[in-house]
Every structure is written in structure tokens, then in C-alpha cells.
Amino acid sequence: MTDSLEQLRKELDSTNLDILSLLNKRAELVQRVGQAKDAQGVSRFDPVREREMLDSIAANNEGPFETSTLQHLFKQVFKASLELQKDDHSKALLVSRKKQPENTVVTIKGETIGDGIQRFVAGPCAVESYEQVATVAETVKKQGIKLLRGGAFKPRTSPYDFQGLGVEGLKILKRVADEYDLAVISEIVNPSDIEEAVQHIDVIQIGARNMQNFELLKEAGRTNKPVLLKRGMSATIEEFINAAEYIISQGNGQIILCERGIRTYEKATRNTLDITAVPILKQETHLPVFVDVTHSTGRRDLLLPAAKAALAIGADGVMAEVHPDPTVALSDSAQQMDIPQFEAFIHELKSNQLSRVKQ
């Protein structure tokens, strides 16, 4: 007589509970094994032992599952068991909310980032001359902005495009910043340049193309300078967070994360602004989060709405590019604002902030 569907389902439910009980029993044994290994100073992961267990499973498999399927399932059990042997404190990343519930506040020349007050970073895409940077700095200063950005080292898609003025560009930024009492943010692309760079800049920027340049991340982590870390163009949020972990693991917790758009199939904008990354990063980490509206959109006409969205969703600040005459800019001319456009941009954003506060 064929078993009824209901009878089979009852047996299946019972078997599920049997498996659950055995998995929990195995988990308890794993925890005890972990304690024994700690007491003996033995590494928790033993590849030889894992291979022996997989071989035993293969030798005793009578079907109907294929051996490869069962081994895959047991590998997941082994992986979960290894994680179980670690305590929650050790598993939490240093940048995570589990490790530090309160927000990190980064102070840059008296300007606080991450304390609930939304800030702005502005400046030219690339440093071209003292006159160019000084003109922008004067405008930035008038708008009550403390943070001046400018590219001295410019990693470009084409090797024939303008690559920046290098250290000379950093010196120009330093001179202008001193004259206008501003703080300088500039990208460094080579670990060997950091020692020289920190003499001229207040914040080390690590750009999208270098988000997983691990030696650069570690070198930046060994300094006492704040680091603005941009998300890689194809990086997941998890990869982004782990890149920040490289920096903080070296002792430098003064990190600002910056969402700058990711590469998708969409061609209407230079990149696709992942606006929901902002609240996710603020939930998962204790670090302040900026949004670079210039590189995420690549379009002057979208800078204002993108910035409004970033501030509305909780970003700690917005970064945008401005040039005295974008039509003759040596890099990214289509996405930089001129002085009047920038002044209108900041005025609108500050008015919008004020109206939100009154509400």
C-alpha cells in the first residue's frame, strides 16, 4: 500500500527535527573541541582532519544523494562550525557597530565629521595651477566650507590623459590651504608617496581604483591622518567595509567612507549612485559616510538633486567638484561646476537643510 502524502510529510517533518537535533549536538561538540584546541594552543582549522571527514562521508554514502552533493553540504556545516568556535567579539570587524556602537567623529582642522552636522567638500578635479586653486578656495571659503579637495595624482583610464602635477600639486594645495585656512583632501595612489604627502595634506583620499590596493590601505592606516576611502566602481558593500578594515587594523580609525557610484549597465550617468549604500554603511559601521555626487553622476545637471538625496537619506557630507572655467579643465570638464553654479548649488542645499530643520 502506497504511503499517503500526509504520512510522508509527517515523516519528513520528524526527520527534519532529528537532523536539527543532531546538528545542535554536533555544534556543542565543536565548541568543546574549540575549547580543547585553545587550551593546547592548537589552530582551530585543521585541513587534514577536514579531509579525513570528507573521505569518510564519501566512503559511507549509500545514496540517493551523490557524494559531491553531500560533501558540499558538509563543507557548509564545517564552515559554520569553524565560525562557531570563534566568540562574537573576535568575529566583529573593528569598523562594525558590534565593535563600537557609538559613531566615530573625525576632526579635521577643527571641522567635525560624523557628529550629525552635514558638511561639504569642494574643489577642482585636478590641481592645474596656483591661480586656479586659489580662485576656487576663495569661493569655498566664502561659502563657509572648510574642506578643499584637489587632485595632484590623477589615475586616469587612458595613459595619455593628464595625470596631475604630483608633489608640486600637493605643494600648491598646501600653500592655498594655509592662505585661506582650509583643510586639504587629496588622493594618493602609491604607498611610497604617503610619507611625503602627509606633510602637505590634511586628509588622505584613497580613490575608487585603489580601494583594494591593500598595501596602500595599510600604509594609510599607519599614519595619523584621516582617510577618505571611496568605494570601488565594482565593489560590493562588504568589500568596501573590508577595505576600511585594512586601514583601521593598522591603528588608524579616522576613516570617512565615500559612496561615489558603481558601474552598472546604465549609460545615462557616468556611474550609478547607490544611494541606499549610505544607510546600510551607517547601520553596519560606526564610520561617517560621504557621497561624491560629481563622480557618481558625471553630469552637472544632476549634481543638485543627487546631493539633496544624499543629505536627505542621512549622509554626513557631500563632495562636489568646481572649476573657475570647466570648459578648459584638464580633466572631467563635463562634470565640474563653474563658480556661479557652485554658489547656487551650495545656497540651495543650505536652504534645503534649513527648511528640514524647521520642519
Protein backbone atom coordinates (compact mmCIF):
# COMPACT_ATOMS: atom_id res chain seq x y z
CA MET A 1 0.00 0.00 0.00
CA THR A 2 1.42 3.41 -1.02
CA ASP A 3 2.02 5.84 1.83
CA SER A 4 -0.24 8.86 1.76
CA LEU A 5 1.22 12.30 1.06
CA GLU A 6 0.25 13.42 4.55
CA GLN A 7 2.05 10.45 6.12
CA LEU A 8 5.21 11.15 4.11
CA ARG A 9 5.14 14.80 5.13
CA LYS A 10 4.86 13.84 8.79
CA GLU A 11 7.88 11.55 8.46
CA LEU A 12 9.76 14.34 6.69
CA ASP A 13 8.96 16.81 9.47
CA SER A 14 10.11 14.30 12.05
CA THR A 15 13.34 13.68 10.14
CA ASN A 16 13.97 17.44 9.93
CA LEU A 17 13.75 17.64 13.70
CA ASP A 18 16.12 14.68 14.02
CA ILE A 19 18.63 16.44 11.76
CA LEU A 20 18.20 19.65 13.76
CA SER A 21 18.88 17.80 16.99
CA LEU A 22 21.98 16.15 15.53
CA LEU A 23 23.28 19.44 14.12
CA ASN A 24 22.94 21.11 17.52
CA LYS A 25 24.60 18.14 19.19
CA ARG A 26 27.43 18.40 16.66
CA ALA A 27 27.67 22.15 17.36
CA GLU A 28 28.07 21.52 21.09
CA LEU A 29 30.85 19.01 20.36
CA VAL A 30 32.52 21.53 18.03
CA GLN A 31 32.52 24.17 20.77
CA ARG A 32 34.12 21.72 23.18
CA VAL A 33 36.72 20.79 20.54
CA GLY A 34 37.46 24.50 20.09
CA GLN A 35 37.97 24.93 23.83
CA ALA A 36 40.31 21.93 23.88
CA LYS A 37 42.30 23.33 20.96
CA ASP A 38 42.60 26.71 22.68
CA ALA A 39 43.86 25.03 25.83
CA GLN A 40 46.51 23.17 23.81
CA GLY A 41 47.37 26.17 21.64
CA VAL A 42 46.32 24.30 18.50
CA SER A 43 44.97 26.04 15.40
CA ARG A 44 41.20 25.78 15.09
CA PHE A 45 41.33 24.95 11.38
CA ASP A 46 42.80 21.52 10.60
CA PRO A 47 42.67 20.80 6.84
CA VAL A 48 43.91 17.22 7.33
CA ARG A 49 41.10 16.46 9.75
CA GLU A 50 38.56 18.06 7.39
CA ARG A 51 39.80 15.91 4.50
CA GLU A 52 39.50 12.77 6.65
CA MET A 53 35.87 13.59 7.46
CA LEU A 54 35.02 14.25 3.80
CA ASP A 55 36.68 10.97 2.77
CA SER A 56 34.66 9.12 5.42
CA ILE A 57 31.45 10.65 4.10
CA ALA A 58 32.35 9.54 0.56
CA ALA A 59 33.17 6.01 1.71
CA ASN A 60 29.90 5.59 3.63
CA ASN A 61 27.50 7.25 1.21
CA GLU A 62 24.83 4.80 0.06
CA GLY A 63 22.72 7.33 -1.87
CA PRO A 64 20.46 8.61 -3.22
CA PHE A 65 22.50 11.83 -2.87
CA GLU A 66 25.64 11.98 -4.98
CA THR A 67 28.85 12.10 -2.97
CA SER A 68 29.76 15.53 -4.36
CA THR A 69 26.42 16.92 -3.17
CA LEU A 70 26.86 15.54 0.33
CA GLN A 71 30.43 16.79 0.55
CA HIS A 72 29.26 20.26 -0.46
CA LEU A 73 26.61 20.21 2.26
CA PHE A 74 29.06 19.02 4.90
CA LYS A 75 31.61 21.66 3.86
CA GLN A 76 28.99 24.28 4.74
CA VAL A 77 28.49 22.57 8.11
CA PHE A 78 32.26 22.55 8.67
CA LYS A 79 32.49 26.24 7.78
CA ALA A 80 29.67 27.14 10.16
CA SER A 81 31.29 25.02 12.85
CA LEU A 82 34.59 26.87 12.49
CA GLU A 83 32.76 30.18 12.89
CA LEU A 84 31.02 28.79 15.97
CA GLN A 85 34.39 28.26 17.62
CA LYS A 86 35.06 31.99 17.46
CA ASP A 87 33.44 34.26 20.00
CA ASP A 88 31.26 37.14 18.75
CA HIS A 89 33.76 39.72 19.96
CA SER A 90 36.57 38.34 17.83
CA LYS A 91 34.36 37.93 14.75
CA ALA A 92 33.22 41.57 14.69
CA LEU A 93 35.20 43.86 12.42
CA LEU A 94 36.82 46.87 14.06
CA VAL A 95 34.75 49.17 11.84
CA SER A 96 31.47 47.44 12.74
CA ARG A 97 28.68 48.65 15.01
CA LYS A 98 29.10 45.43 17.01
CA LYS A 99 32.60 46.52 17.95
CA GLN A 100 31.75 50.18 18.53
CA PRO A 101 28.09 51.20 18.87
CA GLU A 102 28.76 54.95 19.01
CA ASN A 103 29.57 57.00 15.89
CA THR A 104 33.16 57.80 15.05
CA VAL A 105 33.67 61.55 14.78
CA VAL A 106 36.60 62.61 12.63
CA THR A 107 38.08 66.04 13.33
CA ILE A 108 39.89 67.83 10.51
CA LYS A 109 41.39 71.22 11.38
CA GLY A 110 38.53 71.93 13.75
CA GLU A 111 35.84 70.63 11.39
CA THR A 112 33.96 67.63 12.80
CA ILE A 113 32.68 64.84 10.56
CA GLY A 114 30.12 62.34 11.78
CA ASP A 115 28.58 64.33 14.63
CA GLY A 116 25.24 64.91 12.92
CA ILE A 117 26.20 68.16 11.19
CA GLN A 118 26.31 67.66 7.42
CA ARG A 119 29.44 69.01 5.74
CA PHE A 120 30.63 69.83 2.23
CA VAL A 121 33.86 69.11 0.38
CA ALA A 122 34.55 71.06 -2.79
CA GLY A 123 37.37 71.84 -5.16
CA PRO A 124 38.72 71.16 -8.63
CA CYS A 125 39.04 67.68 -10.06
CA ALA A 126 42.74 68.29 -10.72
CA VAL A 127 45.24 70.86 -9.49
CA GLU A 128 46.35 72.78 -12.59
CA SER A 129 47.90 75.97 -11.18
CA TYR A 130 48.11 78.09 -8.05
CA GLU A 131 45.74 80.69 -9.57
CA GLN A 132 43.11 78.05 -10.39
CA VAL A 133 43.14 76.51 -6.90
CA ALA A 134 43.23 79.89 -5.16
CA THR A 135 40.19 81.10 -7.11
CA VAL A 136 38.22 78.04 -6.06
CA ALA A 137 39.49 78.25 -2.48
CA GLU A 138 38.29 81.83 -2.17
CA THR A 139 34.80 80.78 -3.22
CA VAL A 140 34.83 77.72 -0.97
CA LYS A 141 35.84 79.92 1.96
CA LYS A 142 33.05 82.44 1.26
CA GLN A 143 30.51 79.62 1.33
CA GLY A 144 31.62 78.66 4.84
CA ILE A 145 33.18 75.40 3.69
CA LYS A 146 36.32 74.19 5.43
CA LEU A 147 37.30 71.18 3.28
CA LEU A 148 39.07 71.76 -0.03
CA ARG A 149 39.65 68.86 -2.43
CA GLY A 150 42.03 68.75 -5.37
CA GLY A 151 43.74 66.02 -7.34
CA ALA A 152 47.53 66.10 -7.51
CA PHE A 153 47.92 62.46 -8.55
CA LYS A 154 45.31 61.55 -11.16
CA PRO A 155 44.85 57.87 -12.05
CA ARG A 156 43.20 58.03 -15.47
CA THR A 157 41.66 55.43 -17.75
CA SER A 158 43.93 56.48 -20.61
CA PRO A 159 47.69 56.72 -20.01
CA TYR A 160 47.72 59.74 -22.34
CA ASP A 161 45.32 61.85 -20.27
CA PHE A 162 46.54 64.46 -17.78
CA GLN A 163 47.99 62.59 -14.79
CA GLY A 164 48.27 65.53 -12.38
CA LEU A 165 51.16 67.64 -11.09
CA GLY A 166 52.19 65.16 -8.43
CA VAL A 167 54.03 66.52 -5.40
CA GLU A 168 54.07 70.01 -6.94
CA GLY A 169 50.27 69.86 -6.93
CA LEU A 170 50.28 68.93 -3.24
CA LYS A 171 52.51 71.93 -2.50
CA ILE A 172 50.08 74.22 -4.32
CA LEU A 173 47.19 72.82 -2.28
CA LYS A 174 49.13 73.30 0.94
CA ARG A 175 50.01 76.90 0.09
CA VAL A 176 46.43 77.79 -0.80
CA ALA A 177 45.01 75.98 2.23
CA ASP A 178 47.32 77.90 4.56
CA GLU A 179 46.35 81.21 2.95
CA TYR A 180 42.61 80.56 3.27
CA ASP A 181 42.67 78.48 6.46
CA LEU A 182 41.23 75.40 4.79
CA ALA A 183 41.85 71.68 5.17
CA VAL A 184 43.12 69.76 2.14
CA ILE A 185 41.87 66.41 0.86
CA SER A 186 43.86 64.83 -1.96
CA GLU A 187 44.22 61.39 -3.46
CA ILE A 188 47.38 59.35 -3.03
CA VAL A 189 47.88 56.39 -5.36
CA ASN A 190 51.27 54.99 -4.34
CA PRO A 191 52.20 53.79 -0.83
CA SER A 192 55.67 55.28 -1.23
CA ASP A 193 54.19 58.77 -1.71
CA ILE A 194 52.34 58.86 1.61
CA GLU A 195 55.33 59.91 3.71
CA GLU A 196 55.81 62.99 1.52
CA ALA A 197 52.08 63.63 1.06
CA VAL A 198 51.20 63.87 4.76
CA GLN A 199 53.45 66.93 5.01
CA HIS A 200 51.11 68.81 2.65
CA ILE A 201 47.59 67.45 3.12
CA ASP A 202 45.15 67.01 5.99
CA VAL A 203 43.19 64.04 4.64
CA ILE A 204 44.46 61.13 2.55
CA GLN A 205 41.98 60.21 -0.14
CA ILE A 206 42.06 56.68 -1.50
CA GLY A 207 40.19 56.61 -4.79
CA ALA A 208 37.85 54.07 -6.31
CA ARG A 209 40.55 52.46 -8.44
CA ASN A 210 42.70 51.88 -5.36
CA MET A 211 40.05 50.70 -2.91
CA GLN A 212 41.63 47.26 -2.93
CA ASN A 213 45.24 48.40 -3.18
CA PHE A 214 45.91 46.66 0.11
CA GLU A 215 49.46 47.93 0.58
CA LEU A 216 48.20 51.50 0.11
CA LEU A 217 45.38 50.89 2.60
CA LYS A 218 47.80 49.52 5.17
CA GLU A 219 50.25 52.38 4.67
CA ALA A 220 47.46 54.92 5.14
CA GLY A 221 46.45 53.00 8.26
CA ARG A 222 49.90 53.55 9.74
CA THR A 223 49.59 57.34 9.58
CA ASN A 224 47.80 59.67 11.99
CA LYS A 225 45.97 61.44 9.15
CA PRO A 226 42.25 60.97 8.47
CA VAL A 227 41.50 58.84 5.41
CA LEU A 228 38.64 59.34 2.97
CA LEU A 229 38.05 55.97 1.34
CA LYS A 230 36.00 55.80 -1.86
CA ARG A 231 34.03 52.75 -2.88
CA GLY A 232 35.43 50.87 -5.86
CA MET A 233 33.45 51.11 -9.06
CA SER A 234 32.56 47.40 -8.96
CA ALA A 235 32.88 46.78 -5.23
CA THR A 236 30.19 45.27 -3.06
CA ILE A 237 29.39 46.95 0.24
CA GLU A 238 31.04 44.03 2.03
CA GLU A 239 34.26 44.55 0.05
CA PHE A 240 34.08 48.28 0.77
CA ILE A 241 33.75 47.68 4.50
CA ASN A 242 36.65 45.21 4.46
CA ALA A 243 38.81 47.77 2.67
CA ALA A 244 38.16 50.14 5.57
CA GLU A 245 39.08 47.32 7.94
CA TYR A 246 42.56 47.18 6.35
CA ILE A 247 43.07 50.80 7.39
CA ILE A 248 41.72 50.54 10.93
CA SER A 249 43.59 47.26 11.53
CA GLN A 250 46.82 49.24 11.31
CA GLY A 251 45.70 51.59 14.08
CA ASN A 252 44.08 54.47 12.19
CA GLY A 253 40.37 54.75 12.98
CA GLN A 254 39.92 58.20 11.43
CA ILE A 255 38.11 56.94 8.34
CA ILE A 256 35.41 58.55 6.21
CA LEU A 257 33.63 56.28 3.75
CA CYS A 258 32.59 57.79 0.43
CA GLU A 259 29.96 56.37 -1.91
CA ARG A 260 30.84 57.53 -5.44
CA GLY A 261 28.64 55.40 -7.65
CA ILE A 262 29.15 51.93 -9.04
CA ARG A 263 29.47 50.61 -12.58
CA THR A 264 26.27 49.13 -13.98
CA TYR A 265 24.76 48.66 -17.44
CA GLU A 266 23.21 52.16 -17.28
CA LYS A 267 24.83 54.75 -19.57
CA ALA A 268 22.70 57.82 -18.75
CA THR A 269 25.12 58.70 -15.95
CA ARG A 270 28.84 58.18 -15.56
CA ASN A 271 28.18 55.71 -12.74
CA THR A 272 25.06 54.61 -10.86
CA LEU A 273 24.69 56.29 -7.48
CA ASP A 274 23.89 53.58 -4.93
CA ILE A 275 22.06 55.90 -2.58
CA THR A 276 20.90 53.09 -0.28
CA ALA A 277 24.53 52.32 0.47
CA VAL A 278 24.51 55.33 2.81
CA PRO A 279 22.06 53.97 5.44
CA ILE A 280 23.48 50.45 5.06
CA LEU A 281 27.02 51.67 5.76
CA LYS A 282 25.81 53.75 8.70
CA GLN A 283 23.97 50.74 10.14
CA GLU A 284 26.82 48.30 9.61
CA THR A 285 29.71 50.58 10.59
CA HIS A 286 30.36 53.42 13.02
CA LEU A 287 32.17 55.48 10.35
CA PRO A 288 30.90 58.71 8.77
CA VAL A 289 29.68 58.43 5.18
CA PHE A 290 30.03 60.98 2.37
CA VAL A 291 28.59 60.94 -1.14
CA ASP A 292 30.59 62.15 -4.15
CA VAL A 293 27.85 63.45 -6.43
CA THR A 294 30.27 64.51 -9.16
CA HIS A 295 31.75 61.12 -9.98
CA SER A 296 28.54 59.21 -9.32
CA THR A 297 26.57 61.21 -11.90
CA GLY A 298 29.17 62.77 -14.18
CA ARG A 299 26.57 65.41 -15.07
CA ARG A 300 26.32 68.99 -13.82
CA ASP A 301 22.52 68.98 -14.20
CA LEU A 302 22.20 66.07 -11.74
CA LEU A 303 24.53 67.32 -9.02
CA LEU A 304 21.89 69.23 -7.05
CA PRO A 305 19.17 66.55 -6.93
CA ALA A 306 21.76 63.87 -6.17
CA ALA A 307 23.17 65.98 -3.32
CA LYS A 308 19.68 66.61 -1.93
CA ALA A 309 19.02 62.88 -1.98
CA ALA A 310 22.33 62.14 -0.25
CA LEU A 311 21.70 64.60 2.55
CA ALA A 312 18.07 63.54 2.93
CA ILE A 313 18.99 59.87 3.33
CA GLY A 314 21.50 60.68 6.07
CA ALA A 315 24.92 61.22 4.50
CA ASP A 316 27.37 63.06 6.73
CA GLY A 317 28.54 65.15 3.81
CA VAL A 318 28.64 65.74 0.08
CA MET A 319 31.65 66.07 -2.19
CA ALA A 320 31.45 68.04 -5.45
CA GLU A 321 33.88 69.48 -7.98
CA VAL A 322 34.17 73.12 -9.02
CA HIS A 323 36.48 74.83 -11.51
CA PRO A 324 36.88 78.50 -12.48
CA ASP A 325 36.31 77.59 -16.14
CA PRO A 326 35.26 73.94 -16.64
CA THR A 327 35.40 74.20 -20.43
CA VAL A 328 39.21 74.38 -20.29
CA ALA A 329 39.67 71.96 -17.38
CA LEU A 330 42.40 69.38 -17.95
CA SER A 331 40.18 66.58 -16.60
CA ASP A 332 36.45 65.80 -16.32
CA SER A 333 35.27 69.13 -17.68
CA ALA A 334 31.68 67.95 -18.24
CA GLN A 335 31.01 67.24 -14.58
CA GLN A 336 32.54 70.26 -12.84
CA MET A 337 30.56 73.35 -11.86
CA ASP A 338 31.77 76.86 -12.51
CA ILE A 339 31.83 79.42 -9.69
CA PRO A 340 28.26 80.82 -10.12
CA GLN A 341 26.83 77.31 -10.48
CA PHE A 342 28.65 76.19 -7.36
CA GLU A 343 27.42 79.16 -5.34
CA ALA A 344 23.83 78.43 -6.41
CA PHE A 345 24.37 74.74 -5.62
CA ILE A 346 25.53 75.43 -2.05
CA HIS A 347 22.85 78.09 -1.47
CA GLU A 348 20.10 75.66 -2.49
CA LEU A 349 21.48 72.83 -0.35
CA LYS A 350 21.84 75.04 2.73
CA SER A 351 18.32 76.41 2.22
CA ASN A 352 17.06 72.87 1.91
CA GLN A 353 18.86 71.87 5.13
CA LEU A 354 17.38 74.85 6.94
CA SER A 355 13.84 74.03 5.84
CA ARG A 356 14.27 70.43 7.04
CA VAL A 357 15.44 71.66 10.44
CA LYS A 358 12.41 73.96 10.78
CA GLN A 359 10.10 71.09 9.92
